[in-house]
Amino acid sequence: MPKKSNRKQGKDTKEKIIEVTKKLFAKKGFDATSVDEIAHKIKIPKSLIYYYFRSKKDILKAIFKEFEDSLLGVKKKSFELLFDEKKENSLEERIKAIFYEITLPFVESYQDVIKIALNEEIKNFSKGPLFKYFDVNLSMVKNFLEKFNLPLNFSKEKVTILFFTLFLSLIGYSIFIDEWCTHYNIEKEKVKSLLVETLTHEYKRLGMVDFS
């Protein structure tokens, strides 16, 4: 077997640092996690971490950057499915498919990052990452509506309800789903079904977009 190139080894090491740090930040918090602890967990010299990242804050930025890139891809895929004129199923069926097939799997896969983002938001309300991610979501919705020449209906009141009923519901699902299912002895698929029905109802009730 040929040895990995230095570039490949470097990429693997950098990704390993990000993945391990992600779990430590989610479990202990950013402030309570030291670079020494990260190095010890990965079994590498601390100096190697500083070779790839100038500081612990830079690792956090890399974690959020990876999440943001994935988020943009997921939202793009969701809106393309929502506004695909070739699809014969109803708008409601498409919304449910997006929640089931795209949104919930995405927030589950980024549970650690969402925990970190929530902790950072609580430390610095309105200047943390969660408000930023909500704004990114909202901006993408507006861009897609304009692209498809659909009317916008974004009053402050509706945006507020969107944040508290839909956005935060997904945050809560990501963080608590596993513990909730264990604590109340309920199957995850049942929870997902209940949540999707509720979110779909709220999405339609808000009438953020006039699809008539």
C-alpha atoms as a PDB file:
ATOM      1  CA  MET A   1       0.000   0.000   0.000  1.00  0.00           C
ATOM      2  CA  PRO A   2       1.469   3.391  -0.948  1.00  0.00           C
ATOM      3  CA  LYS A   3       1.911   5.900   1.825  1.00  0.00           C
ATOM      4  CA  LYS A   4      -0.463   8.827   1.977  1.00  0.00           C
ATOM      5  CA  SER A   5       0.862  12.057   0.515  1.00  0.00           C
ATOM      6  CA  ASN A   6       1.726  14.836   2.923  1.00  0.00           C
ATOM      7  CA  ARG A   7      -1.209  16.848   1.582  1.00  0.00           C
ATOM      8  CA  LYS A   8      -3.629  13.975   2.212  1.00  0.00           C
ATOM      9  CA  GLN A   9      -2.206  13.384   5.684  1.00  0.00           C
ATOM     10  CA  GLY A  10      -2.526  17.073   6.435  1.00  0.00           C
ATOM     11  CA  LYS A  11      -6.145  17.139   5.304  1.00  0.00           C
ATOM     12  CA  ASP A  12      -6.949  14.050   7.392  1.00  0.00           C
ATOM     13  CA  THR A  13      -5.285  15.573  10.469  1.00  0.00           C
ATOM     14  CA  LYS A  14      -7.122  18.869  10.060  1.00  0.00           C
ATOM     15  CA  GLU A  15     -10.465  17.093   9.638  1.00  0.00           C
ATOM     16  CA  LYS A  16      -9.709  14.929  12.687  1.00  0.00           C
ATOM     17  CA  ILE A  17      -9.021  18.032  14.776  1.00  0.00           C
ATOM     18  CA  ILE A  18     -12.334  19.558  13.671  1.00  0.00           C
ATOM     19  CA  GLU A  19     -14.355  16.383  14.341  1.00  0.00           C
ATOM     20  CA  VAL A  20     -12.888  15.723  17.799  1.00  0.00           C
ATOM     21  CA  THR A  21     -13.136  19.376  18.824  1.00  0.00           C
ATOM     22  CA  LYS A  22     -16.740  19.459  17.648  1.00  0.00           C
ATOM     23  CA  LYS A  23     -17.651  16.680  20.078  1.00  0.00           C
ATOM     24  CA  LEU A  24     -15.729  18.250  22.960  1.00  0.00           C
ATOM     25  CA  PHE A  25     -17.284  21.689  22.417  1.00  0.00           C
ATOM     26  CA  ALA A  26     -20.760  20.129  22.241  1.00  0.00           C
ATOM     27  CA  LYS A  27     -20.221  18.149  25.449  1.00  0.00           C
ATOM     28  CA  LYS A  28     -18.231  20.595  27.602  1.00  0.00           C
ATOM     29  CA  GLY A  29     -18.639  23.959  25.914  1.00  0.00           C
ATOM     30  CA  PHE A  30     -16.136  26.157  24.097  1.00  0.00           C
ATOM     31  CA  ASP A  31     -14.760  27.898  27.169  1.00  0.00           C
ATOM     32  CA  ALA A  32     -14.329  24.697  29.205  1.00  0.00           C
ATOM     33  CA  THR A  33     -12.386  22.872  26.477  1.00  0.00           C
ATOM     34  CA  SER A  34      -8.647  23.472  26.245  1.00  0.00           C
ATOM     35  CA  VAL A  35      -6.296  22.971  23.323  1.00  0.00           C
ATOM     36  CA  ASP A  36      -4.323  20.589  25.554  1.00  0.00           C
ATOM     37  CA  GLU A  37      -7.432  18.459  25.964  1.00  0.00           C
ATOM     38  CA  ILE A  38      -8.049  18.415  22.213  1.00  0.00           C
ATOM     39  CA  ALA A  39      -4.470  17.337  21.544  1.00  0.00           C
ATOM     40  CA  HIS A  40      -4.649  14.646  24.231  1.00  0.00           C
ATOM     41  CA  LYS A  41      -7.909  13.287  22.803  1.00  0.00           C
ATOM     42  CA  ILE A  42      -6.458  13.028  19.292  1.00  0.00           C
ATOM     43  CA  LYS A  43      -3.064  11.854  20.583  1.00  0.00           C
ATOM     44  CA  ILE A  44      -1.091  14.496  18.687  1.00  0.00           C
ATOM     45  CA  PRO A  45       1.291  17.253  19.867  1.00  0.00           C
ATOM     46  CA  LYS A  46      -0.421  20.541  20.710  1.00  0.00           C
ATOM     47  CA  SER A  47       1.952  22.272  18.307  1.00  0.00           C
ATOM     48  CA  LEU A  48       0.353  20.333  15.440  1.00  0.00           C
ATOM     49  CA  ILE A  49      -3.021  21.870  16.257  1.00  0.00           C
ATOM     50  CA  TYR A  50      -1.452  25.334  16.113  1.00  0.00           C
ATOM     51  CA  TYR A  51       0.089  24.422  12.763  1.00  0.00           C
ATOM     52  CA  TYR A  52      -3.409  24.163  11.272  1.00  0.00           C
ATOM     53  CA  PHE A  53      -5.266  26.648  13.470  1.00  0.00           C
ATOM     54  CA  ARG A  54      -4.007  29.875  15.020  1.00  0.00           C
ATOM     55  CA  SER A  55      -6.294  29.502  18.028  1.00  0.00           C
ATOM     56  CA  LYS A  56      -9.183  27.575  19.547  1.00  0.00           C
ATOM     57  CA  LYS A  57     -11.461  30.267  18.138  1.00  0.00           C
ATOM     58  CA  ASP A  58     -10.235  29.426  14.647  1.00  0.00           C
ATOM     59  CA  ILE A  59     -11.272  25.787  15.127  1.00  0.00           C
ATOM     60  CA  LEU A  60     -14.739  27.018  16.129  1.00  0.00           C
ATOM     61  CA  LYS A  61     -14.885  29.162  12.994  1.00  0.00           C
ATOM     62  CA  ALA A  62     -13.939  26.138  10.869  1.00  0.00           C
ATOM     63  CA  ILE A  63     -16.700  24.069  12.514  1.00  0.00           C
ATOM     64  CA  PHE A  64     -19.297  26.739  11.781  1.00  0.00           C
ATOM     65  CA  LYS A  65     -17.977  27.280   8.237  1.00  0.00           C
ATOM     66  CA  GLU A  66     -18.444  23.592   7.430  1.00  0.00           C
ATOM     67  CA  PHE A  67     -21.983  23.751   8.832  1.00  0.00           C
ATOM     68  CA  GLU A  68     -22.820  26.916   6.894  1.00  0.00           C
ATOM     69  CA  ASP A  69     -21.619  25.415   3.624  1.00  0.00           C
ATOM     70  CA  SER A  70     -23.750  22.316   4.195  1.00  0.00           C
ATOM     71  CA  LEU A  71     -26.723  24.453   5.244  1.00  0.00           C
ATOM     72  CA  LEU A  72     -26.616  26.429   2.008  1.00  0.00           C
ATOM     73  CA  GLY A  73     -26.549  23.203  -0.006  1.00  0.00           C
ATOM     74  CA  VAL A  74     -29.486  21.762   1.943  1.00  0.00           C
ATOM     75  CA  LYS A  75     -31.593  24.903   1.584  1.00  0.00           C
ATOM     76  CA  LYS A  76     -30.891  25.058  -2.136  1.00  0.00           C
ATOM     77  CA  LYS A  77     -31.949  21.434  -2.545  1.00  0.00           C
ATOM     78  CA  SER A  78     -35.087  22.032  -0.442  1.00  0.00           C
ATOM     79  CA  PHE A  79     -36.289  25.038  -2.395  1.00  0.00           C
ATOM     80  CA  GLU A  80     -35.586  23.407  -5.734  1.00  0.00           C
ATOM     81  CA  LEU A  81     -37.785  20.494  -4.665  1.00  0.00           C
ATOM     82  CA  LEU A  82     -40.457  22.832  -3.314  1.00  0.00           C
ATOM     83  CA  PHE A  83     -40.708  24.835  -6.529  1.00  0.00           C
ATOM     84  CA  ASP A  84     -40.119  22.015  -9.024  1.00  0.00           C
ATOM     85  CA  GLU A  85     -42.947  22.408 -11.535  1.00  0.00           C
ATOM     86  CA  LYS A  86     -42.284  18.913 -12.898  1.00  0.00           C
ATOM     87  CA  LYS A  87     -43.359  17.337  -9.612  1.00  0.00           C
ATOM     88  CA  GLU A  88     -46.924  16.071  -9.746  1.00  0.00           C
ATOM     89  CA  ASN A  89     -47.433  15.751  -5.993  1.00  0.00           C
ATOM     90  CA  SER A  90     -49.111  18.541  -4.050  1.00  0.00           C
ATOM     91  CA  LEU A  91     -47.375  21.412  -2.288  1.00  0.00           C
ATOM     92  CA  GLU A  92     -48.201  19.847   1.083  1.00  0.00           C
ATOM     93  CA  GLU A  93     -46.665  16.524   0.025  1.00  0.00           C
ATOM     94  CA  ARG A  94     -43.529  18.309  -1.148  1.00  0.00           C
ATOM     95  CA  ILE A  95     -43.222  20.197   2.127  1.00  0.00           C
ATOM     96  CA  LYS A  96     -43.500  16.950   4.086  1.00  0.00           C
ATOM     97  CA  ALA A  97     -40.929  15.291   1.822  1.00  0.00           C
ATOM     98  CA  ILE A  98     -38.506  18.145   2.477  1.00  0.00           C
ATOM     99  CA  PHE A  99     -38.887  17.785   6.242  1.00  0.00           C
ATOM    100  CA  TYR A 100     -38.593  13.977   6.164  1.00  0.00           C
ATOM    101  CA  GLU A 101     -35.891  13.534   3.527  1.00  0.00           C
ATOM    102  CA  ILE A 102     -33.777  16.668   3.840  1.00  0.00           C
ATOM    103  CA  THR A 103     -34.334  18.888   6.891  1.00  0.00           C
ATOM    104  CA  LEU A 104     -34.602  16.395   9.764  1.00  0.00           C
ATOM    105  CA  PRO A 105     -31.722  14.175   8.566  1.00  0.00           C
ATOM    106  CA  PHE A 106     -29.605  17.315   8.219  1.00  0.00           C
ATOM    107  CA  VAL A 107     -30.239  18.649  11.743  1.00  0.00           C
ATOM    108  CA  GLU A 108     -29.706  15.149  13.171  1.00  0.00           C
ATOM    109  CA  SER A 109     -26.332  14.861  11.449  1.00  0.00           C
ATOM    110  CA  TYR A 110     -25.252  18.258  12.820  1.00  0.00           C
ATOM    111  CA  GLN A 111     -26.495  17.784  16.366  1.00  0.00           C
ATOM    112  CA  ASP A 112     -23.113  18.634  17.916  1.00  0.00           C
ATOM    113  CA  VAL A 113     -22.710  21.824  15.886  1.00  0.00           C
ATOM    114  CA  ILE A 114     -26.235  22.961  16.730  1.00  0.00           C
ATOM    115  CA  LYS A 115     -25.529  22.409  20.433  1.00  0.00           C
ATOM    116  CA  ILE A 116     -22.389  24.525  20.135  1.00  0.00           C
ATOM    117  CA  ALA A 117     -24.251  27.238  18.219  1.00  0.00           C
ATOM    118  CA  LEU A 118     -27.012  27.348  20.824  1.00  0.00           C
ATOM    119  CA  ASN A 119     -24.492  27.680  23.661  1.00  0.00           C
ATOM    120  CA  GLU A 120     -22.683  30.478  21.833  1.00  0.00           C
ATOM    121  CA  GLU A 121     -25.982  32.240  21.113  1.00  0.00           C
ATOM    122  CA  ILE A 122     -27.010  32.163  24.766  1.00  0.00           C
ATOM    123  CA  LYS A 123     -23.648  33.697  25.716  1.00  0.00           C
ATOM    124  CA  ASN A 124     -24.095  36.576  23.268  1.00  0.00           C
ATOM    125  CA  PHE A 125     -27.731  37.002  22.264  1.00  0.00           C
ATOM    126  CA  SER A 126     -28.426  38.244  18.713  1.00  0.00           C
ATOM    127  CA  LYS A 127     -24.714  38.220  17.835  1.00  0.00           C
ATOM    128  CA  GLY A 128     -24.258  34.452  17.967  1.00  0.00           C
ATOM    129  CA  PRO A 129     -24.467  31.967  15.086  1.00  0.00           C
ATOM    130  CA  LEU A 130     -28.115  30.908  15.441  1.00  0.00           C
ATOM    131  CA  PHE A 131     -29.518  34.333  14.595  1.00  0.00           C
ATOM    132  CA  LYS A 132     -27.122  34.422  11.664  1.00  0.00           C
ATOM    133  CA  TYR A 133     -28.299  31.013  10.415  1.00  0.00           C
ATOM    134  CA  PHE A 134     -31.919  32.103  10.693  1.00  0.00           C
ATOM    135  CA  ASP A 135     -31.137  35.235   8.683  1.00  0.00           C
ATOM    136  CA  VAL A 136     -29.368  33.117   6.060  1.00  0.00           C
ATOM    137  CA  ASN A 137     -32.435  30.870   5.803  1.00  0.00           C
ATOM    138  CA  LEU A 138     -34.725  33.860   5.432  1.00  0.00           C
ATOM    139  CA  SER A 139     -32.508  35.457   2.819  1.00  0.00           C
ATOM    140  CA  MET A 140     -32.432  32.244   0.782  1.00  0.00           C
ATOM    141  CA  VAL A 141     -36.229  31.962   0.922  1.00  0.00           C
ATOM    142  CA  LYS A 142     -36.557  35.489  -0.426  1.00  0.00           C
ATOM    143  CA  ASN A 143     -34.021  34.855  -3.188  1.00  0.00           C
ATOM    144  CA  PHE A 144     -35.805  31.708  -4.342  1.00  0.00           C
ATOM    145  CA  LEU A 145     -39.195  33.401  -4.295  1.00  0.00           C
ATOM    146  CA  GLU A 146     -37.832  36.212  -6.426  1.00  0.00           C
ATOM    147  CA  LYS A 147     -36.256  33.679  -8.791  1.00  0.00           C
ATOM    148  CA  PHE A 148     -39.627  32.006  -9.337  1.00  0.00           C
ATOM    149  CA  ASN A 149     -41.489  35.341  -9.441  1.00  0.00           C
ATOM    150  CA  LEU A 150     -43.568  34.410  -6.413  1.00  0.00           C
ATOM    151  CA  PRO A 151     -44.979  37.129  -4.140  1.00  0.00           C
ATOM    152  CA  LEU A 152     -43.230  37.812  -0.851  1.00  0.00           C
ATOM    153  CA  ASN A 153     -45.162  37.976   2.395  1.00  0.00           C
ATOM    154  CA  PHE A 154     -42.653  38.607   5.176  1.00  0.00           C
ATOM    155  CA  SER A 155     -44.134  40.831   7.844  1.00  0.00           C
ATOM    156  CA  LYS A 156     -42.223  41.138  11.122  1.00  0.00           C
ATOM    157  CA  GLU A 157     -45.025  39.273  12.829  1.00  0.00           C
ATOM    158  CA  LYS A 158     -44.811  36.282  10.474  1.00  0.00           C
ATOM    159  CA  VAL A 159     -41.032  36.179  10.607  1.00  0.00           C
ATOM    160  CA  THR A 160     -41.235  36.146  14.405  1.00  0.00           C
ATOM    161  CA  ILE A 161     -43.657  33.221  14.378  1.00  0.00           C
ATOM    162  CA  LEU A 162     -41.460  31.451  11.825  1.00  0.00           C
ATOM    163  CA  PHE A 163     -38.476  31.748  14.171  1.00  0.00           C
ATOM    164  CA  PHE A 164     -40.241  30.514  17.306  1.00  0.00           C
ATOM    165  CA  THR A 165     -42.486  27.815  15.819  1.00  0.00           C
ATOM    166  CA  LEU A 166     -40.423  26.355  12.968  1.00  0.00           C
ATOM    167  CA  PHE A 167     -36.763  27.277  13.366  1.00  0.00           C
ATOM    168  CA  LEU A 168     -36.520  26.662  17.113  1.00  0.00           C
ATOM    169  CA  SER A 169     -38.584  23.472  16.783  1.00  0.00           C
ATOM    170  CA  LEU A 170     -35.863  22.062  14.540  1.00  0.00           C
ATOM    171  CA  ILE A 171     -33.160  23.184  16.962  1.00  0.00           C
ATOM    172  CA  GLY A 172     -34.984  21.440  19.814  1.00  0.00           C
ATOM    173  CA  TYR A 173     -35.492  18.298  17.744  1.00  0.00           C
ATOM    174  CA  SER A 174     -31.801  18.098  16.911  1.00  0.00           C
ATOM    175  CA  ILE A 175     -30.676  18.486  20.515  1.00  0.00           C
ATOM    176  CA  PHE A 176     -33.294  16.454  22.393  1.00  0.00           C
ATOM    177  CA  ILE A 177     -34.589  13.763  20.021  1.00  0.00           C
ATOM    178  CA  ASP A 178     -32.455  10.871  21.313  1.00  0.00           C
ATOM    179  CA  GLU A 179     -32.941  11.684  25.005  1.00  0.00           C
ATOM    180  CA  TRP A 180     -36.667  12.292  24.486  1.00  0.00           C
ATOM    181  CA  CYS A 181     -37.213   8.913  22.797  1.00  0.00           C
ATOM    182  CA  THR A 182     -35.346   7.132  25.573  1.00  0.00           C
ATOM    183  CA  HIS A 183     -37.022   9.045  28.400  1.00  0.00           C
ATOM    184  CA  TYR A 184     -40.571   8.573  27.094  1.00  0.00           C
ATOM    185  CA  ASN A 185     -40.001   5.231  25.374  1.00  0.00           C
ATOM    186  CA  ILE A 186     -41.278   6.442  22.030  1.00  0.00           C
ATOM    187  CA  GLU A 187     -39.942   5.515  18.583  1.00  0.00           C
ATOM    188  CA  LYS A 188     -38.030   8.183  16.714  1.00  0.00           C
ATOM    189  CA  GLU A 189     -40.105   7.657  13.573  1.00  0.00           C
ATOM    190  CA  LYS A 190     -43.262   8.413  15.561  1.00  0.00           C
ATOM    191  CA  VAL A 191     -41.749  11.659  16.849  1.00  0.00           C
ATOM    192  CA  LYS A 192     -40.650  12.597  13.331  1.00  0.00           C
ATOM    193  CA  SER A 193     -44.128  11.914  11.990  1.00  0.00           C
ATOM    194  CA  LEU A 194     -45.764  14.082  14.663  1.00  0.00           C
ATOM    195  CA  LEU A 195     -43.247  16.868  14.148  1.00  0.00           C
ATOM    196  CA  VAL A 196     -43.547  16.867  10.367  1.00  0.00           C
ATOM    197  CA  GLU A 197     -47.342  17.049  10.562  1.00  0.00           C
ATOM    198  CA  THR A 198     -47.106  19.979  12.977  1.00  0.00           C
ATOM    199  CA  LEU A 199     -44.426  21.840  11.019  1.00  0.00           C
ATOM    200  CA  THR A 200     -46.288  21.364   7.733  1.00  0.00           C
ATOM    201  CA  HIS A 201     -49.475  22.713   9.284  1.00  0.00           C
ATOM    202  CA  GLU A 202     -47.638  25.753  10.666  1.00  0.00           C
ATOM    203  CA  TYR A 203     -45.865  26.394   7.362  1.00  0.00           C
ATOM    204  CA  LYS A 204     -49.171  26.476   5.525  1.00  0.00           C
ATOM    205  CA  ARG A 205     -50.949  28.433   8.254  1.00  0.00           C
ATOM    206  CA  LEU A 206     -48.311  31.169   8.218  1.00  0.00           C
ATOM    207  CA  GLY A 207     -48.936  31.755   4.532  1.00  0.00           C
ATOM    208  CA  MET A 208     -45.428  33.108   4.031  1.00  0.00           C
ATOM    209  CA  VAL A 209     -45.900  32.505   0.315  1.00  0.00           C
ATOM    210  CA  ASP A 210     -49.035  32.781  -1.799  1.00  0.00           C
ATOM    211  CA  PHE A 211     -49.036  29.657  -3.983  1.00  0.00           C
ATOM    212  CA  SER A 212     -52.461  30.236  -5.424  1.00  0.00           C
END
